Amino acid sequence: MNFEEFCLARLPGLLRFAVMLTGERELAQDIVQEVLCRAHGRWRRIVATDRPELYVKRMITNEFLSWRRRRRVVTVPLDADVPLPDPAGDESDDLWQRLAGLPRQQRAVLVLRYYEGLSDLEIADALRCSAGTVRGYASRALSTLRIQLTDDVTTGESK
């Protein structure tokens, strides 16, 4: 498979993966574009691996983690005319907001495990850490989400 064929076949899935990882469509597009530009120059080496798509997803994950490290916090005041989100909004939006609030490594592990269906060993390979570390990140992330959701049920609130 040449690079152009790979992009035509895999671009929609790569973009969905990046959106799930970043939580922002525009950022996801930027990251995928940057990664594919770099992948083009390394395509012979990438296509020689067992799973080129997994290799490119690892590149996307690494680029996102690098972006998060470089990112500066910028405060933007809200305009009075901008409507606030409906507190009784869609449950998936609530879950996504909670997922987005997790530390980046924990979020990456959950996205790779539950959205991409990767095993702990594959996630460890993608994030360049041990499988035990992956399990620890997943455990802490799920515990955090469980506590938040339980607190909301007991207080009758929603985020």
C-alpha atoms as a PDB file:
ATOM      1  CA  MET A   1       0.000   0.000   0.000  1.00  0.00           C
ATOM      2  CA  ASN A   2       1.438   3.369  -0.940  1.00  0.00           C
ATOM      3  CA  PHE A   3       1.075   6.514   1.173  1.00  0.00           C
ATOM      4  CA  GLU A   4      -1.719   8.011  -0.916  1.00  0.00           C
ATOM      5  CA  GLU A   5      -3.788   4.807  -0.709  1.00  0.00           C
ATOM      6  CA  PHE A   6      -3.214   4.673   3.039  1.00  0.00           C
ATOM      7  CA  CYS A   7      -4.415   8.262   3.477  1.00  0.00           C
ATOM      8  CA  LEU A   8      -7.512   7.743   1.330  1.00  0.00           C
ATOM      9  CA  ALA A   9      -8.465   4.600   3.227  1.00  0.00           C
ATOM     10  CA  ARG A  10      -7.515   5.608   6.777  1.00  0.00           C
ATOM     11  CA  LEU A  11      -7.942   9.399   7.036  1.00  0.00           C
ATOM     12  CA  PRO A  12     -11.531   9.353   8.388  1.00  0.00           C
ATOM     13  CA  GLY A  13     -10.585   6.859  11.112  1.00  0.00           C
ATOM     14  CA  LEU A  14      -7.428   8.773  12.007  1.00  0.00           C
ATOM     15  CA  LEU A  15      -9.442  11.985  12.336  1.00  0.00           C
ATOM     16  CA  ARG A  16     -12.063  10.290  14.547  1.00  0.00           C
ATOM     17  CA  PHE A  17      -9.280   8.905  16.727  1.00  0.00           C
ATOM     18  CA  ALA A  18      -7.635  12.336  17.026  1.00  0.00           C
ATOM     19  CA  VAL A  19     -10.948  14.040  17.867  1.00  0.00           C
ATOM     20  CA  MET A  20     -11.573  11.501  20.631  1.00  0.00           C
ATOM     21  CA  LEU A  21      -8.060  12.065  21.947  1.00  0.00           C
ATOM     22  CA  THR A  22      -8.041  15.879  21.809  1.00  0.00           C
ATOM     23  CA  GLY A  23     -11.696  16.742  22.276  1.00  0.00           C
ATOM     24  CA  GLU A  24     -11.337  19.465  19.641  1.00  0.00           C
ATOM     25  CA  ARG A  25     -12.006  18.949  15.940  1.00  0.00           C
ATOM     26  CA  GLU A  26      -9.703  21.744  14.727  1.00  0.00           C
ATOM     27  CA  LEU A  27      -6.809  20.634  16.905  1.00  0.00           C
ATOM     28  CA  ALA A  28      -7.352  17.044  15.783  1.00  0.00           C
ATOM     29  CA  GLN A  29      -7.174  18.113  12.135  1.00  0.00           C
ATOM     30  CA  ASP A  30      -3.972  20.070  12.766  1.00  0.00           C
ATOM     31  CA  ILE A  31      -2.340  17.156  14.563  1.00  0.00           C
ATOM     32  CA  VAL A  32      -3.330  14.624  11.890  1.00  0.00           C
ATOM     33  CA  GLN A  33      -2.053  16.937   9.158  1.00  0.00           C
ATOM     34  CA  GLU A  34       1.274  17.416  10.945  1.00  0.00           C
ATOM     35  CA  VAL A  35       1.662  13.693  11.588  1.00  0.00           C
ATOM     36  CA  LEU A  36       0.821  12.701   8.012  1.00  0.00           C
ATOM     37  CA  CYS A  37       3.372  15.196   6.686  1.00  0.00           C
ATOM     38  CA  ARG A  38       6.034  13.560   8.854  1.00  0.00           C
ATOM     39  CA  ALA A  39       4.785  10.056   8.037  1.00  0.00           C
ATOM     40  CA  HIS A  40       5.099  10.740   4.308  1.00  0.00           C
ATOM     41  CA  GLY A  41       8.846  11.198   4.673  1.00  0.00           C
ATOM     42  CA  ARG A  42       9.153   7.967   6.674  1.00  0.00           C
ATOM     43  CA  TRP A  43       6.608   5.919   4.747  1.00  0.00           C
ATOM     44  CA  ARG A  44       8.956   3.115   3.668  1.00  0.00           C
ATOM     45  CA  ARG A  45       9.906   2.438   7.254  1.00  0.00           C
ATOM     46  CA  ILE A  46       6.308   2.788   8.519  1.00  0.00           C
ATOM     47  CA  VAL A  47       4.761   0.502   5.900  1.00  0.00           C
ATOM     48  CA  ALA A  48       7.378  -2.139   6.742  1.00  0.00           C
ATOM     49  CA  THR A  49       5.946  -2.449  10.268  1.00  0.00           C
ATOM     50  CA  ASP A  50       3.267  -5.028  11.017  1.00  0.00           C
ATOM     51  CA  ARG A  51       0.567  -2.404  11.512  1.00  0.00           C
ATOM     52  CA  PRO A  52       1.203   0.954   9.830  1.00  0.00           C
ATOM     53  CA  GLU A  53      -2.111   2.372  11.078  1.00  0.00           C
ATOM     54  CA  LEU A  54      -1.154   1.686  14.690  1.00  0.00           C
ATOM     55  CA  TYR A  55       2.239   3.298  14.068  1.00  0.00           C
ATOM     56  CA  VAL A  56       0.544   6.448  12.724  1.00  0.00           C
ATOM     57  CA  LYS A  57      -1.889   6.476  15.673  1.00  0.00           C
ATOM     58  CA  ARG A  58       1.100   6.309  18.009  1.00  0.00           C
ATOM     59  CA  MET A  59       2.523   9.315  16.161  1.00  0.00           C
ATOM     60  CA  ILE A  60      -0.811  11.139  16.630  1.00  0.00           C
ATOM     61  CA  THR A  61      -0.853  10.314  20.342  1.00  0.00           C
ATOM     62  CA  ASN A  62       2.739  11.475  20.791  1.00  0.00           C
ATOM     63  CA  GLU A  63       2.080  14.695  18.867  1.00  0.00           C
ATOM     64  CA  PHE A  64      -0.957  15.408  21.039  1.00  0.00           C
ATOM     65  CA  LEU A  65       1.007  14.783  24.246  1.00  0.00           C
ATOM     66  CA  SER A  66       3.798  17.051  22.969  1.00  0.00           C
ATOM     67  CA  TRP A  67       1.272  19.736  22.069  1.00  0.00           C
ATOM     68  CA  ARG A  68      -0.204  19.562  25.579  1.00  0.00           C
ATOM     69  CA  ARG A  69       3.253  20.054  27.095  1.00  0.00           C
ATOM     70  CA  ARG A  70       3.896  23.101  24.915  1.00  0.00           C
ATOM     71  CA  ARG A  71       0.448  24.617  25.376  1.00  0.00           C
ATOM     72  CA  ARG A  72       0.115  27.795  27.341  1.00  0.00           C
ATOM     73  CA  VAL A  73      -3.014  28.512  29.339  1.00  0.00           C
ATOM     74  CA  VAL A  74      -4.890  31.441  27.831  1.00  0.00           C
ATOM     75  CA  THR A  75      -7.923  32.943  29.535  1.00  0.00           C
ATOM     76  CA  VAL A  76     -10.580  34.242  27.181  1.00  0.00           C
ATOM     77  CA  PRO A  77     -13.482  36.228  28.645  1.00  0.00           C
ATOM     78  CA  LEU A  78     -16.945  35.040  27.632  1.00  0.00           C
ATOM     79  CA  ASP A  79     -19.173  37.443  25.747  1.00  0.00           C
ATOM     80  CA  ALA A  80     -22.449  38.173  27.518  1.00  0.00           C
ATOM     81  CA  ASP A  81     -24.334  37.245  24.329  1.00  0.00           C
ATOM     82  CA  VAL A  82     -22.946  33.708  24.224  1.00  0.00           C
ATOM     83  CA  PRO A  83     -25.526  31.255  25.614  1.00  0.00           C
ATOM     84  CA  LEU A  84     -24.328  28.996  28.392  1.00  0.00           C
ATOM     85  CA  PRO A  85     -24.651  25.241  27.911  1.00  0.00           C
ATOM     86  CA  ASP A  86     -27.898  23.630  29.025  1.00  0.00           C
ATOM     87  CA  PRO A  87     -27.217  21.827  32.327  1.00  0.00           C
ATOM     88  CA  ALA A  88     -29.737  19.142  31.330  1.00  0.00           C
ATOM     89  CA  GLY A  89     -27.807  18.474  28.112  1.00  0.00           C
ATOM     90  CA  ASP A  90     -26.952  15.193  26.483  1.00  0.00           C
ATOM     91  CA  GLU A  91     -25.379  12.573  28.767  1.00  0.00           C
ATOM     92  CA  SER A  92     -22.666  11.845  26.211  1.00  0.00           C
ATOM     93  CA  ASP A  93     -21.643  15.527  26.339  1.00  0.00           C
ATOM     94  CA  ASP A  94     -21.427  15.245  30.124  1.00  0.00           C
ATOM     95  CA  LEU A  95     -19.306  12.115  29.881  1.00  0.00           C
ATOM     96  CA  TRP A  96     -17.077  13.724  27.236  1.00  0.00           C
ATOM     97  CA  GLN A  97     -16.539  16.766  29.475  1.00  0.00           C
ATOM     98  CA  ARG A  98     -15.554  14.487  32.321  1.00  0.00           C
ATOM     99  CA  LEU A  99     -13.208  12.548  30.049  1.00  0.00           C
ATOM    100  CA  ALA A 100     -11.674  15.800  28.798  1.00  0.00           C
ATOM    101  CA  GLY A 101     -11.069  16.828  32.426  1.00  0.00           C
ATOM    102  CA  LEU A 102      -8.817  13.839  33.090  1.00  0.00           C
ATOM    103  CA  PRO A 103      -5.022  14.174  32.926  1.00  0.00           C
ATOM    104  CA  ARG A 104      -3.790  13.667  29.348  1.00  0.00           C
ATOM    105  CA  GLN A 105      -2.144  10.273  29.935  1.00  0.00           C
ATOM    106  CA  GLN A 106      -5.241   8.867  31.648  1.00  0.00           C
ATOM    107  CA  ARG A 107      -7.465  10.175  28.854  1.00  0.00           C
ATOM    108  CA  ALA A 108      -5.145   8.719  26.207  1.00  0.00           C
ATOM    109  CA  VAL A 109      -5.278   5.300  27.889  1.00  0.00           C
ATOM    110  CA  LEU A 110      -9.093   5.308  28.041  1.00  0.00           C
ATOM    111  CA  VAL A 111      -9.423   6.418  24.411  1.00  0.00           C
ATOM    112  CA  LEU A 112      -6.944   3.806  23.219  1.00  0.00           C
ATOM    113  CA  ARG A 113      -8.555   1.067  25.320  1.00  0.00           C
ATOM    114  CA  TYR A 114     -12.269   1.715  24.851  1.00  0.00           C
ATOM    115  CA  TYR A 115     -12.462   3.652  21.577  1.00  0.00           C
ATOM    116  CA  GLU A 116      -9.671   1.906  19.689  1.00  0.00           C
ATOM    117  CA  GLY A 117      -9.986  -1.461  21.435  1.00  0.00           C
ATOM    118  CA  LEU A 118      -6.244  -1.834  22.039  1.00  0.00           C
ATOM    119  CA  SER A 119      -4.836  -4.201  24.644  1.00  0.00           C
ATOM    120  CA  ASP A 120      -2.757  -2.942  27.564  1.00  0.00           C
ATOM    121  CA  LEU A 121       0.413  -4.139  25.811  1.00  0.00           C
ATOM    122  CA  GLU A 122      -0.495  -2.279  22.613  1.00  0.00           C
ATOM    123  CA  ILE A 123      -1.291   0.863  24.594  1.00  0.00           C
ATOM    124  CA  ALA A 124       1.999   0.536  26.473  1.00  0.00           C
ATOM    125  CA  ASP A 125       3.811   0.277  23.152  1.00  0.00           C
ATOM    126  CA  ALA A 126       1.958   3.306  21.770  1.00  0.00           C
ATOM    127  CA  LEU A 127       2.644   5.439  24.858  1.00  0.00           C
ATOM    128  CA  ARG A 128       6.133   4.018  25.461  1.00  0.00           C
ATOM    129  CA  CYS A 129       5.486   2.909  29.006  1.00  0.00           C
ATOM    130  CA  SER A 130       4.919  -0.390  30.796  1.00  0.00           C
ATOM    131  CA  ALA A 131       1.649  -2.337  30.755  1.00  0.00           C
ATOM    132  CA  GLY A 132       1.495  -1.852  34.536  1.00  0.00           C
ATOM    133  CA  THR A 133       1.620   1.899  34.063  1.00  0.00           C
ATOM    134  CA  VAL A 134      -1.215   1.635  31.529  1.00  0.00           C
ATOM    135  CA  ARG A 135      -3.307  -0.344  34.020  1.00  0.00           C
ATOM    136  CA  GLY A 136      -2.548   2.251  36.705  1.00  0.00           C
ATOM    137  CA  TYR A 137      -3.623   5.143  34.469  1.00  0.00           C
ATOM    138  CA  ALA A 138      -6.803   3.285  33.504  1.00  0.00           C
ATOM    139  CA  SER A 139      -7.606   2.429  37.116  1.00  0.00           C
ATOM    140  CA  ARG A 140      -7.137   6.014  38.314  1.00  0.00           C
ATOM    141  CA  ALA A 141      -9.141   7.433  35.388  1.00  0.00           C
ATOM    142  CA  LEU A 142     -12.049   5.036  35.892  1.00  0.00           C
ATOM    143  CA  SER A 143     -11.986   5.643  39.647  1.00  0.00           C
ATOM    144  CA  THR A 144     -12.127   9.408  39.096  1.00  0.00           C
ATOM    145  CA  LEU A 145     -15.047   9.080  36.682  1.00  0.00           C
ATOM    146  CA  ARG A 146     -16.850   6.670  39.020  1.00  0.00           C
ATOM    147  CA  ILE A 147     -16.482   9.060  41.976  1.00  0.00           C
ATOM    148  CA  GLN A 148     -17.711  12.026  39.936  1.00  0.00           C
ATOM    149  CA  LEU A 149     -20.732  10.140  38.646  1.00  0.00           C
ATOM    150  CA  THR A 150     -21.546   8.717  42.092  1.00  0.00           C
ATOM    151  CA  ASP A 151     -21.295  12.184  43.661  1.00  0.00           C
ATOM    152  CA  ASP A 152     -23.709  13.533  41.045  1.00  0.00           C
ATOM    153  CA  VAL A 153     -26.214  10.767  41.747  1.00  0.00           C
ATOM    154  CA  THR A 154     -26.100  11.303  45.514  1.00  0.00           C
ATOM    155  CA  THR A 155     -26.376  15.110  45.251  1.00  0.00           C
ATOM    156  CA  GLY A 156     -28.821  15.044  42.340  1.00  0.00           C
ATOM    157  CA  GLU A 157     -26.572  17.240  40.215  1.00  0.00           C
ATOM    158  CA  SER A 158     -25.059  16.906  36.772  1.00  0.00           C
ATOM    159  CA  LYS A 159     -21.886  18.542  35.560  1.00  0.00           C
END
